[in-house]
C-alpha atoms as a PDB file:
ATOM      1  CA  MET A   1     -30.271 -16.532  81.735  1.00  0.00           C
ATOM      2  CA  SER A   2     -33.590 -15.961  79.888  1.00  0.00           C
ATOM      3  CA  PRO A   3     -37.231 -16.244  80.988  1.00  0.00           C
ATOM      4  CA  GLY A   4     -38.113 -19.266  83.146  1.00  0.00           C
ATOM      5  CA  ASP A   5     -40.337 -19.722  86.219  1.00  0.00           C
ATOM      6  CA  GLU A   6     -42.538 -16.812  86.967  1.00  0.00           C
ATOM      7  CA  ASP A   7     -40.738 -15.105  89.674  1.00  0.00           C
ATOM      8  CA  GLY A   8     -37.703 -14.146  87.772  1.00  0.00           C
ATOM      9  CA  TYR A   9     -36.197 -14.862  84.424  1.00  0.00           C
ATOM     10  CA  GLY A  10     -33.400 -17.300  84.816  1.00  0.00           C
ATOM     11  CA  ASN A  11     -31.691 -19.416  82.244  1.00  0.00           C
ATOM     12  CA  ASP A  12     -31.480 -23.138  82.774  1.00  0.00           C
ATOM     13  CA  ALA A  13     -31.846 -24.800  79.440  1.00  0.00           C
ATOM     14  CA  GLY A  14     -32.963 -21.742  77.823  1.00  0.00           C
ATOM     15  CA  ARG A  15     -32.509 -21.090  81.240  1.00  0.00           C
ATOM     16  CA  GLY A  16     -34.052 -20.398  84.649  1.00  0.00           C
ATOM     17  CA  ASP A  17     -37.178 -18.533  85.663  1.00  0.00           C
ATOM     18  CA  ALA A  18     -39.451 -16.521  83.459  1.00  0.00           C
ATOM     19  CA  TYR A  19     -39.632 -14.105  86.278  1.00  0.00           C
ATOM     20  CA  SER A  20     -36.304 -14.556  88.015  1.00  0.00           C
ATOM     21  CA  THR A  21     -34.208 -11.577  87.035  1.00  0.00           C
ATOM     22  CA  ILE A  22     -31.700 -13.570  85.044  1.00  0.00           C
ATOM     23  CA  GLY A  23     -33.391 -14.666  81.716  1.00  0.00           C
ATOM     24  CA  GLY A  24     -35.129 -18.261  81.172  1.00  0.00           C
ATOM     25  CA  THR A  25     -37.721 -20.280  79.314  1.00  0.00           C
ATOM     26  CA  ARG A  26     -40.586 -21.246  81.617  1.00  0.00           C
ATOM     27  CA  GLN A  27     -43.345 -19.114  83.022  1.00  0.00           C
ATOM     28  CA  THR A  28     -44.596 -19.342  86.582  1.00  0.00           C
ATOM     29  CA  ARG A  29     -47.242 -17.527  88.501  1.00  0.00           C
ATOM     30  CA  THR A  30     -46.645 -14.915  91.143  1.00  0.00           C
ATOM     31  CA  ARG A  31     -49.284 -14.499  93.851  1.00  0.00           C
ATOM     32  CA  LEU A  32     -49.412 -11.048  95.378  1.00  0.00           C
ATOM     33  CA  PRO A  33     -50.565 -10.652  98.994  1.00  0.00           C
ATOM     34  CA  ASP A  34     -54.225  -9.911  99.540  1.00  0.00           C
ATOM     35  CA  GLY A  35     -54.826  -6.298 100.433  1.00  0.00           C
ATOM     36  CA  PRO A  36     -57.449  -3.598 100.368  1.00  0.00           C
ATOM     37  CA  ALA A  37     -59.264  -3.155  97.101  1.00  0.00           C
ATOM     38  CA  GLY A  38     -57.229  -1.124  94.643  1.00  0.00           C
ATOM     39  CA  ASP A  39     -53.987  -1.637  96.550  1.00  0.00           C
ATOM     40  CA  ALA A  40     -51.855  -3.819  94.268  1.00  0.00           C
ATOM     41  CA  TYR A  41     -48.937  -3.574  96.623  1.00  0.00           C
ATOM     42  CA  GLY A  42     -50.754  -5.379  99.424  1.00  0.00           C
ATOM     43  CA  PRO A  43     -51.448  -4.451 103.048  1.00  0.00           C
ATOM     44  CA  ARG A  44     -49.164  -2.176 105.010  1.00  0.00           C
ATOM     45  CA  ARG A  45     -47.690  -3.449 108.250  1.00  0.00           C
ATOM     46  CA  PRO A  46     -48.442  -1.580 111.479  1.00  0.00           C
ATOM     47  CA  PRO A  47     -45.622   0.663 112.741  1.00  0.00           C
ATOM     48  CA  ARG A  48     -43.099  -0.777 115.177  1.00  0.00           C
ATOM     49  CA  SER A  49     -43.466  -0.041 118.854  1.00  0.00           C
ATOM     50  CA  SER A  50     -40.893   2.231 120.456  1.00  0.00           C
ATOM     51  CA  ARG A  51     -39.423  -0.740 122.335  1.00  0.00           C
ATOM     52  CA  SER A  52     -38.971  -2.667 119.078  1.00  0.00           C
ATOM     53  CA  LEU A  53     -37.363   0.378 117.443  1.00  0.00           C
ATOM     54  CA  ILE A  54     -34.896   0.770 120.323  1.00  0.00           C
ATOM     55  CA  THR A  55     -33.961  -2.919 120.018  1.00  0.00           C
ATOM     56  CA  VAL A  56     -33.329  -2.599 116.275  1.00  0.00           C
ATOM     57  CA  ILE A  57     -31.225   0.534 116.738  1.00  0.00           C
ATOM     58  CA  GLY A  58     -29.179  -1.260 119.403  1.00  0.00           C
ATOM     59  CA  VAL A  59     -28.500  -4.205 117.079  1.00  0.00           C
ATOM     60  CA  VAL A  60     -27.506  -1.864 114.217  1.00  0.00           C
ATOM     61  CA  VAL A  61     -25.094   0.015 116.480  1.00  0.00           C
ATOM     62  CA  LEU A  62     -23.495  -3.267 117.590  1.00  0.00           C
ATOM     63  CA  LEU A  63     -23.115  -4.407 113.986  1.00  0.00           C
ATOM     64  CA  LEU A  64     -21.583  -1.107 112.902  1.00  0.00           C
ATOM     65  CA  GLY A  65     -19.162  -1.295 115.804  1.00  0.00           C
ATOM     66  CA  ALA A  66     -18.136  -4.844 114.873  1.00  0.00           C
ATOM     67  CA  ILE A  67     -17.632  -3.871 111.223  1.00  0.00           C
ATOM     68  CA  ALA A  68     -15.554  -0.829 112.164  1.00  0.00           C
ATOM     69  CA  PHE A  69     -13.430  -2.946 114.518  1.00  0.00           C
ATOM     70  CA  ALA A  70     -12.824  -5.556 111.811  1.00  0.00           C
ATOM     71  CA  ASN A  71     -11.879  -2.917 109.227  1.00  0.00           C
ATOM     72  CA  MET A  72      -9.360  -1.422 111.662  1.00  0.00           C
ATOM     73  CA  GLY A  73      -7.633  -4.772 111.884  1.00  0.00           C
ATOM     74  CA  GLY A  74      -8.665  -5.361 115.462  1.00  0.00           C
ATOM     75  CA  GLY A  75      -8.516  -9.146 115.399  1.00  0.00           C
ATOM     76  CA  ASP A  76      -6.171 -12.034 114.786  1.00  0.00           C
ATOM     77  CA  SER A  77      -5.974 -13.524 111.346  1.00  0.00           C
ATOM     78  CA  GLY A  78      -8.335 -16.239 110.322  1.00  0.00           C
ATOM     79  CA  ASN A  79     -10.225 -17.408 107.313  1.00  0.00           C
ATOM     80  CA  GLY A  80     -12.908 -14.789 107.840  1.00  0.00           C
ATOM     81  CA  GLY A  81     -10.913 -12.017 109.520  1.00  0.00           C
ATOM     82  CA  THR A  82      -8.041  -9.612 109.043  1.00  0.00           C
ATOM     83  CA  SER A  83      -4.551 -11.046 108.691  1.00  0.00           C
ATOM     84  CA  LYS A  84      -1.695 -10.084 110.981  1.00  0.00           C
ATOM     85  CA  ASN A  85       0.787  -7.457 109.955  1.00  0.00           C
ATOM     86  CA  ASN A  86       3.839  -9.058 108.400  1.00  0.00           C
ATOM     87  CA  GLY A  87       6.014  -5.981 108.767  1.00  0.00           C
ATOM     88  CA  ASN A  88       4.958  -4.325 105.541  1.00  0.00           C
ATOM     89  CA  ASN A  89       2.135  -2.266 107.135  1.00  0.00           C
ATOM     90  CA  LYS A  90      -0.479  -4.046 105.042  1.00  0.00           C
ATOM     91  CA  THR A  91      -3.376  -6.161 106.161  1.00  0.00           C
ATOM     92  CA  GLY A  92      -5.162  -8.859 104.213  1.00  0.00           C
ATOM     93  CA  ALA A  93      -8.753  -8.466 103.092  1.00  0.00           C
ATOM     94  CA  ALA A  94     -11.536 -10.581 104.517  1.00  0.00           C
ATOM     95  CA  PRO A  95     -13.188 -12.959 102.018  1.00  0.00           C
ATOM     96  CA  THR A  96     -16.107 -10.587 101.401  1.00  0.00           C
ATOM     97  CA  ALA A  97     -14.160  -7.331 101.559  1.00  0.00           C
ATOM     98  CA  ALA A  98     -13.158  -5.243  98.567  1.00  0.00           C
ATOM     99  CA  THR A  99      -9.543  -5.912  97.590  1.00  0.00           C
ATOM    100  CA  GLY A 100      -8.743  -2.496  96.222  1.00  0.00           C
ATOM    101  CA  THR A 101      -8.132  -3.848  92.733  1.00  0.00           C
ATOM    102  CA  LYS A 102      -9.480  -1.415  90.165  1.00  0.00           C
ATOM    103  CA  PRO A 103     -12.606  -2.467  88.201  1.00  0.00           C
ATOM    104  CA  VAL A 104     -12.197  -3.432  84.569  1.00  0.00           C
ATOM    105  CA  THR A 105     -12.031  -0.539  82.116  1.00  0.00           C
ATOM    106  CA  GLY A 106     -12.896  -2.396  78.921  1.00  0.00           C
ATOM    107  CA  LYS A 107     -16.337  -2.749  77.387  1.00  0.00           C
ATOM    108  CA  ASN A 108     -17.810  -5.367  75.082  1.00  0.00           C
ATOM    109  CA  GLY A 109     -20.788  -3.368  73.880  1.00  0.00           C
ATOM    110  CA  THR A 110     -22.356  -2.191  77.135  1.00  0.00           C
ATOM    111  CA  ILE A 111     -20.926  -5.058  79.220  1.00  0.00           C
ATOM    112  CA  PRO A 112     -17.618  -4.768  81.111  1.00  0.00           C
ATOM    113  CA  SER A 113     -14.792  -6.898  79.724  1.00  0.00           C
ATOM    114  CA  GLY A 114     -11.101  -7.505  80.247  1.00  0.00           C
ATOM    115  CA  PHE A 115     -11.412  -9.321  83.574  1.00  0.00           C
ATOM    116  CA  ALA A 116      -8.325 -10.523  85.409  1.00  0.00           C
ATOM    117  CA  HIS A 117      -7.216 -14.099  84.711  1.00  0.00           C
ATOM    118  CA  ASP A 118      -7.652 -15.192  88.323  1.00  0.00           C
ATOM    119  CA  GLU A 119     -10.338 -16.020  90.886  1.00  0.00           C
ATOM    120  CA  GLN A 120     -11.130 -12.380  91.530  1.00  0.00           C
ATOM    121  CA  GLY A 121     -11.578 -11.757  87.819  1.00  0.00           C
ATOM    122  CA  ALA A 122     -13.921 -14.735  87.563  1.00  0.00           C
ATOM    123  CA  GLU A 123     -16.043 -13.377  90.438  1.00  0.00           C
ATOM    124  CA  SER A 124     -16.199  -9.954  88.830  1.00  0.00           C
ATOM    125  CA  ALA A 125     -17.128 -11.453  85.458  1.00  0.00           C
ATOM    126  CA  ALA A 126     -19.910 -13.550  86.979  1.00  0.00           C
ATOM    127  CA  SER A 127     -21.367 -10.531  88.815  1.00  0.00           C
ATOM    128  CA  ASN A 128     -21.369  -8.330  85.729  1.00  0.00           C
ATOM    129  CA  PHE A 129     -22.808 -11.131  83.587  1.00  0.00           C
ATOM    130  CA  ALA A 130     -25.633 -11.560  86.091  1.00  0.00           C
ATOM    131  CA  VAL A 131     -26.447  -7.851  85.806  1.00  0.00           C
ATOM    132  CA  ALA A 132     -26.494  -7.965  81.993  1.00  0.00           C
ATOM    133  CA  LEU A 133     -28.592 -11.126  81.834  1.00  0.00           C
ATOM    134  CA  GLY A 134     -31.107  -9.658  84.267  1.00  0.00           C
ATOM    135  CA  SER A 135     -31.561  -6.384  82.384  1.00  0.00           C
ATOM    136  CA  VAL A 136     -34.477  -5.111  80.292  1.00  0.00           C
ATOM    137  CA  GLY A 137     -32.315  -5.681  77.209  1.00  0.00           C
ATOM    138  CA  MET A 138     -33.044  -9.395  77.477  1.00  0.00           C
ATOM    139  CA  PHE A 139     -36.657  -8.697  76.498  1.00  0.00           C
ATOM    140  CA  LYS A 140     -35.680  -7.220  73.105  1.00  0.00           C
ATOM    141  CA  ARG A 141     -34.398  -9.640  70.484  1.00  0.00           C
ATOM    142  CA  ALA A 142     -31.480  -7.625  69.061  1.00  0.00           C
ATOM    143  CA  ASP A 143     -30.287  -6.523  72.509  1.00  0.00           C
ATOM    144  CA  ARG A 144     -30.665 -10.067  73.857  1.00  0.00           C
ATOM    145  CA  HIS A 145     -28.530 -11.529  71.080  1.00  0.00           C
ATOM    146  CA  ALA A 146     -25.855  -8.889  71.706  1.00  0.00           C
ATOM    147  CA  ILE A 147     -25.819  -9.687  75.434  1.00  0.00           C
ATOM    148  CA  VAL A 148     -25.590 -13.435  74.791  1.00  0.00           C
ATOM    149  CA  ASP A 149     -22.730 -12.920  72.315  1.00  0.00           C
ATOM    150  CA  SER A 150     -20.852 -10.859  74.903  1.00  0.00           C
ATOM    151  CA  VAL A 151     -21.414 -13.134  77.888  1.00  0.00           C
ATOM    152  CA  TYR A 152     -21.224 -16.681  76.497  1.00  0.00           C
ATOM    153  CA  THR A 153     -18.717 -18.554  74.400  1.00  0.00           C
ATOM    154  CA  SER A 154     -19.636 -18.644  70.710  1.00  0.00           C
ATOM    155  CA  ASP A 155     -20.754 -22.298  70.913  1.00  0.00           C
ATOM    156  CA  ALA A 156     -22.861 -21.780  74.033  1.00  0.00           C
ATOM    157  CA  GLY A 157     -24.393 -18.573  72.682  1.00  0.00           C
ATOM    158  CA  ARG A 158     -25.328 -20.214  69.399  1.00  0.00           C
ATOM    159  CA  LYS A 159     -27.220 -22.950  71.236  1.00  0.00           C
ATOM    160  CA  LEU A 160     -29.030 -20.498  73.513  1.00  0.00           C
ATOM    161  CA  LYS A 161     -30.425 -18.009  71.026  1.00  0.00           C
ATOM    162  CA  GLY A 162     -33.083 -20.251  69.482  1.00  0.00           C
ATOM    163  CA  PRO A 163     -34.614 -21.473  72.763  1.00  0.00           C
ATOM    164  CA  GLN A 164     -34.460 -17.979  74.218  1.00  0.00           C
ATOM    165  CA  ASP A 165     -36.194 -16.434  71.206  1.00  0.00           C
ATOM    166  CA  ALA A 166     -38.949 -19.008  71.581  1.00  0.00           C
ATOM    167  CA  ALA A 167     -39.219 -18.293  75.300  1.00  0.00           C
ATOM    168  CA  TYR A 168     -39.468 -14.535  74.815  1.00  0.00           C
ATOM    169  CA  SER A 169     -42.487 -14.980  72.576  1.00  0.00           C
ATOM    170  CA  ALA A 170     -45.031 -12.260  71.827  1.00  0.00           C
ATOM    171  CA  ASP A 171     -47.485 -14.047  74.123  1.00  0.00           C
ATOM    172  CA  PHE A 172     -44.975 -14.128  76.980  1.00  0.00           C
ATOM    173  CA  LEU A 173     -44.109 -10.449  76.526  1.00  0.00           C
ATOM    174  CA  ASP A 174     -47.792  -9.565  76.401  1.00  0.00           C
ATOM    175  CA  ARG A 175     -48.331 -11.208  79.785  1.00  0.00           C
ATOM    176  CA  LEU A 176     -45.654  -8.877  81.164  1.00  0.00           C
ATOM    177  CA  GLY A 177     -47.415  -5.859  79.669  1.00  0.00           C
ATOM    178  CA  LEU A 178     -44.878  -5.452  76.829  1.00  0.00           C
ATOM    179  CA  ASP A 179     -45.508  -5.303  73.093  1.00  0.00           C
ATOM    180  CA  ALA A 180     -44.052  -7.843  70.653  1.00  0.00           C
ATOM    181  CA  ASP A 181     -40.789  -5.856  70.476  1.00  0.00           C
ATOM    182  CA  GLY A 182     -40.368  -5.760  74.257  1.00  0.00           C
ATOM    183  CA  ASN A 183     -41.463  -2.151  74.708  1.00  0.00           C
ATOM    184  CA  ALA A 184     -43.532  -0.913  77.653  1.00  0.00           C
ATOM    185  CA  PRO A 185     -46.761   1.062  77.095  1.00  0.00           C
ATOM    186  CA  GLN A 186     -46.398   4.821  76.765  1.00  0.00           C
ATOM    187  CA  GLY A 187     -46.175   6.415  80.205  1.00  0.00           C
ATOM    188  CA  SER A 188     -45.012   3.180  81.877  1.00  0.00           C
ATOM    189  CA  ILE A 189     -41.554   1.811  82.693  1.00  0.00           C
ATOM    190  CA  PHE A 190     -40.714  -1.886  82.644  1.00  0.00           C
ATOM    191  CA  VAL A 191     -38.251  -2.689  85.424  1.00  0.00           C
ATOM    192  CA  SER A 192     -35.871  -5.627  85.329  1.00  0.00           C
ATOM    193  CA  ARG A 193     -32.651  -5.485  87.333  1.00  0.00           C
ATOM    194  CA  THR A 194     -30.220  -7.832  89.021  1.00  0.00           C
ATOM    195  CA  VAL A 195     -28.419  -6.546  92.113  1.00  0.00           C
ATOM    196  CA  PRO A 196     -25.548  -8.859  93.180  1.00  0.00           C
ATOM    197  CA  VAL A 197     -25.190  -9.208  96.942  1.00  0.00           C
ATOM    198  CA  GLY A 198     -22.161 -11.497  97.015  1.00  0.00           C
ATOM    199  CA  THR A 199     -20.183 -14.106  95.105  1.00  0.00           C
ATOM    200  CA  LYS A 200     -18.577 -17.440  95.939  1.00  0.00           C
ATOM    201  CA  VAL A 201     -15.962 -19.373  93.969  1.00  0.00           C
ATOM    202  CA  GLU A 202     -17.194 -22.960  93.918  1.00  0.00           C
ATOM    203  CA  SER A 203     -14.093 -24.172  92.068  1.00  0.00           C
ATOM    204  CA  PHE A 204     -11.169 -22.717  90.142  1.00  0.00           C
ATOM    205  CA  GLY A 205      -8.822 -24.415  87.721  1.00  0.00           C
ATOM    206  CA  GLY A 206      -6.793 -21.645  86.116  1.00  0.00           C
ATOM    207  CA  ASP A 207      -8.673 -21.513  82.805  1.00  0.00           C
ATOM    208  CA  THR A 208     -12.005 -22.672  84.233  1.00  0.00           C
ATOM    209  CA  ALA A 209     -14.091 -21.499  87.150  1.00  0.00           C
ATOM    210  CA  LYS A 210     -17.459 -22.105  88.748  1.00  0.00           C
ATOM    211  CA  VAL A 211     -18.898 -19.071  90.523  1.00  0.00           C
ATOM    212  CA  SER A 212     -22.174 -18.550  92.382  1.00  0.00           C
ATOM    213  CA  VAL A 213     -23.770 -15.094  92.550  1.00  0.00           C
ATOM    214  CA  TRP A 214     -26.338 -14.378  95.247  1.00  0.00           C
ATOM    215  CA  TYR A 215     -28.548 -11.558  94.065  1.00  0.00           C
ATOM    216  CA  MET A 216     -31.756  -9.627  94.543  1.00  0.00           C
ATOM    217  CA  GLY A 217     -33.923  -9.135  91.474  1.00  0.00           C
ATOM    218  CA  LEU A 218     -36.394  -6.381  90.641  1.00  0.00           C
ATOM    219  CA  ILE A 219     -39.155  -7.162  88.155  1.00  0.00           C
ATOM    220  CA  GLY A 220     -42.460  -5.571  87.161  1.00  0.00           C
ATOM    221  CA  MET A 221     -44.196  -2.678  85.429  1.00  0.00           C
ATOM    222  CA  SER A 222     -44.242   0.791  86.924  1.00  0.00           C
ATOM    223  CA  GLY A 223     -46.908   3.088  85.582  1.00  0.00           C
ATOM    224  CA  PRO A 224     -50.575   4.095  85.688  1.00  0.00           C
ATOM    225  CA  GLY A 225     -52.960   1.171  85.916  1.00  0.00           C
ATOM    226  CA  SER A 226     -50.207  -1.450  86.221  1.00  0.00           C
ATOM    227  CA  THR A 227     -51.473  -4.795  87.487  1.00  0.00           C
ATOM    228  CA  ASP A 228     -47.921  -6.122  87.821  1.00  0.00           C
ATOM    229  CA  PRO A 229     -46.139  -3.811  90.304  1.00  0.00           C
ATOM    230  CA  VAL A 230     -42.376  -3.944  90.733  1.00  0.00           C
ATOM    231  CA  ARG A 231     -41.392  -6.524  93.321  1.00  0.00           C
ATOM    232  CA  THR A 232     -38.276  -8.271  94.569  1.00  0.00           C
ATOM    233  CA  SER A 233     -37.006 -11.827  94.326  1.00  0.00           C
ATOM    234  CA  TRP A 234     -33.934 -13.522  95.770  1.00  0.00           C
ATOM    235  CA  LYS A 235     -31.911 -16.007  93.730  1.00  0.00           C
ATOM    236  CA  THR A 236     -28.545 -17.709  93.473  1.00  0.00           C
ATOM    237  CA  TRP A 237     -27.132 -17.989  89.950  1.00  0.00           C
ATOM    238  CA  THR A 238     -24.245 -20.391  89.351  1.00  0.00           C
ATOM    239  CA  VAL A 239     -22.186 -20.103  86.173  1.00  0.00           C
ATOM    240  CA  GLU A 240     -19.455 -22.249  84.644  1.00  0.00           C
ATOM    241  CA  LEU A 241     -16.774 -19.994  83.142  1.00  0.00           C
ATOM    242  CA  THR A 242     -13.907 -20.632  80.771  1.00  0.00           C
ATOM    243  CA  TRP A 243     -10.990 -18.448  79.713  1.00  0.00           C
ATOM    244  CA  ALA A 244     -11.491 -17.728  75.992  1.00  0.00           C
ATOM    245  CA  ASP A 245     -10.409 -14.885  73.711  1.00  0.00           C
ATOM    246  CA  ASN A 246      -8.374 -13.424  76.573  1.00  0.00           C
ATOM    247  CA  ASP A 247     -11.391 -13.016  78.824  1.00  0.00           C
ATOM    248  CA  TRP A 248     -13.865 -14.981  80.957  1.00  0.00           C
ATOM    249  CA  LYS A 249     -16.900 -16.375  79.098  1.00  0.00           C
ATOM    250  CA  ALA A 250     -19.912 -18.325  80.345  1.00  0.00           C
ATOM    251  CA  VAL A 251     -20.335 -21.909  79.184  1.00  0.00           C
ATOM    252  CA  SER A 252     -23.396 -22.986  81.162  1.00  0.00           C
ATOM    253  CA  ASP A 253     -25.410 -21.814  84.136  1.00  0.00           C
ATOM    254  CA  SER A 254     -28.186 -22.724  86.553  1.00  0.00           C
ATOM    255  CA  GLN A 255     -30.329 -20.951  89.100  1.00  0.00           C
ATOM    256  CA  LYS A 256     -32.191 -21.607  92.329  1.00  0.00           C
ATOM    257  CA  ASP A 257     -34.365 -19.632  94.751  1.00  0.00           C
ATOM    258  CA  GLY A 258     -32.908 -17.907  97.824  1.00  0.00           C
ATOM    259  CA  PRO A 259     -31.442 -17.410 100.288  1.00  0.00           C
ATOM    260  CA  ALA A 260     -34.207 -14.879 100.980  1.00  0.00           C
ATOM    261  CA  PRO A 261     -34.178 -12.608 104.051  1.00  0.00           C
ATOM    262  CA  VAL A 262     -37.278 -11.750 106.056  1.00  0.00           C
ATOM    263  CA  PRO A 263     -39.114  -8.857 104.333  1.00  0.00           C
ATOM    264  CA  GLY A 264     -38.689  -5.510 106.037  1.00  0.00           C
ATOM    265  CA  ASP A 265     -41.385  -3.200 107.357  1.00  0.00           C
ATOM    266  CA  VAL A 266     -40.843  -0.373 104.862  1.00  0.00           C
ATOM    267  CA  ALA A 267     -44.105   0.475 103.125  1.00  0.00           C
ATOM    268  CA  ALA A 268     -44.178  -0.066  99.355  1.00  0.00           C
ATOM    269  CA  SER A 269     -43.531   3.090  97.333  1.00  0.00           C
ATOM    270  CA  SER A 270     -45.964   4.478  94.814  1.00  0.00           C
ATOM    271  CA  SER A 271     -45.642   3.719  91.126  1.00  0.00           C
ATOM    272  CA  ASP A 272     -44.452   7.273  90.459  1.00  0.00           C
ATOM    273  CA  GLU A 273     -41.696   6.967  93.072  1.00  0.00           C
ATOM    274  CA  ILE A 274     -40.479   3.692  91.571  1.00  0.00           C
ATOM    275  CA  SER A 275     -40.491   5.121  88.045  1.00  0.00           C
ATOM    276  CA  LYS A 276     -38.489   8.145  89.178  1.00  0.00           C
ATOM    277  CA  ALA A 277     -35.954   5.985  91.026  1.00  0.00           C
ATOM    278  CA  VAL A 278     -35.434   3.713  88.010  1.00  0.00           C
ATOM    279  CA  GLU A 279     -34.762   6.719  85.785  1.00  0.00           C
ATOM    280  CA  GLU A 280     -32.436   8.467  88.240  1.00  0.00           C
ATOM    281  CA  TYR A 281     -30.354   5.598  89.657  1.00  0.00           C
ATOM    282  CA  GLY A 282     -27.938   3.773  87.385  1.00  0.00           C
ATOM    283  CA  GLY A 283     -26.056   0.524  87.929  1.00  0.00           C
ATOM    284  CA  PHE A 284     -22.481  -0.425  88.721  1.00  0.00           C
ATOM    285  CA  THR A 285     -19.488  -2.215  87.296  1.00  0.00           C
ATOM    286  CA  TYR A 286     -18.855  -4.982  89.804  1.00  0.00           C
ATOM    287  CA  ALA A 287     -15.324  -5.954  90.801  1.00  0.00           C
ATOM    288  CA  ARG A 288     -13.758  -7.552  93.882  1.00  0.00           C
END
């Protein structure tokens, strides 16, 4: 994960999209919607009608009811449901439900480490790696090298650093509004975050695993006069993992667009609101 196409910053051979929220090597262009002059965030949608609002509320209530019913163990067991009670007063977790296993407590620099040597540990490792590789640290050389050393095997990391350094060139950083060291202008905040939505184990072989992470990315500059407002992207990052040095490490990875949901009707926040949110809300350690 390094800069790549222009709507994220993935990492395919140096890897992924230059604007895809998980580091890469190529740059792409992002076209913002046309809007009134001076409105970089584009046109606002008209408010919903009362009938539309009632319909949405009804759907939400139905969904909440279904989720509550499933969590109470109100169905027969199945691949996507709750398992039957086997006499021990315990129910099995659905594939996307939290298992109750505690998150990792170790740290390799700022990145969680010490993942379990099983499928769940591989999913947790992939999610946390996606967060690290989609962070603002990837735009600063020393921080980027530290992240790569923590996430990848030594051989894979050694091969990645050169292409990534070339991709995160001064010219590329300048196009993002950053200086040659990856710093934002005074009074502005550069935003780059990966928010995992879910994971899927593509394959598992004991000491090897292939995991896909579906995530939403945030990318852009928040501050006065910014011509590159913070926006979202949706990606799926797939990583090949191996068990090395008593932990999961990435060997190779790839990235693709989507799945992307239909955009909502919430009006875009002001630059000041985004800056405040970025400063006040921290991230998570992801674990199944």
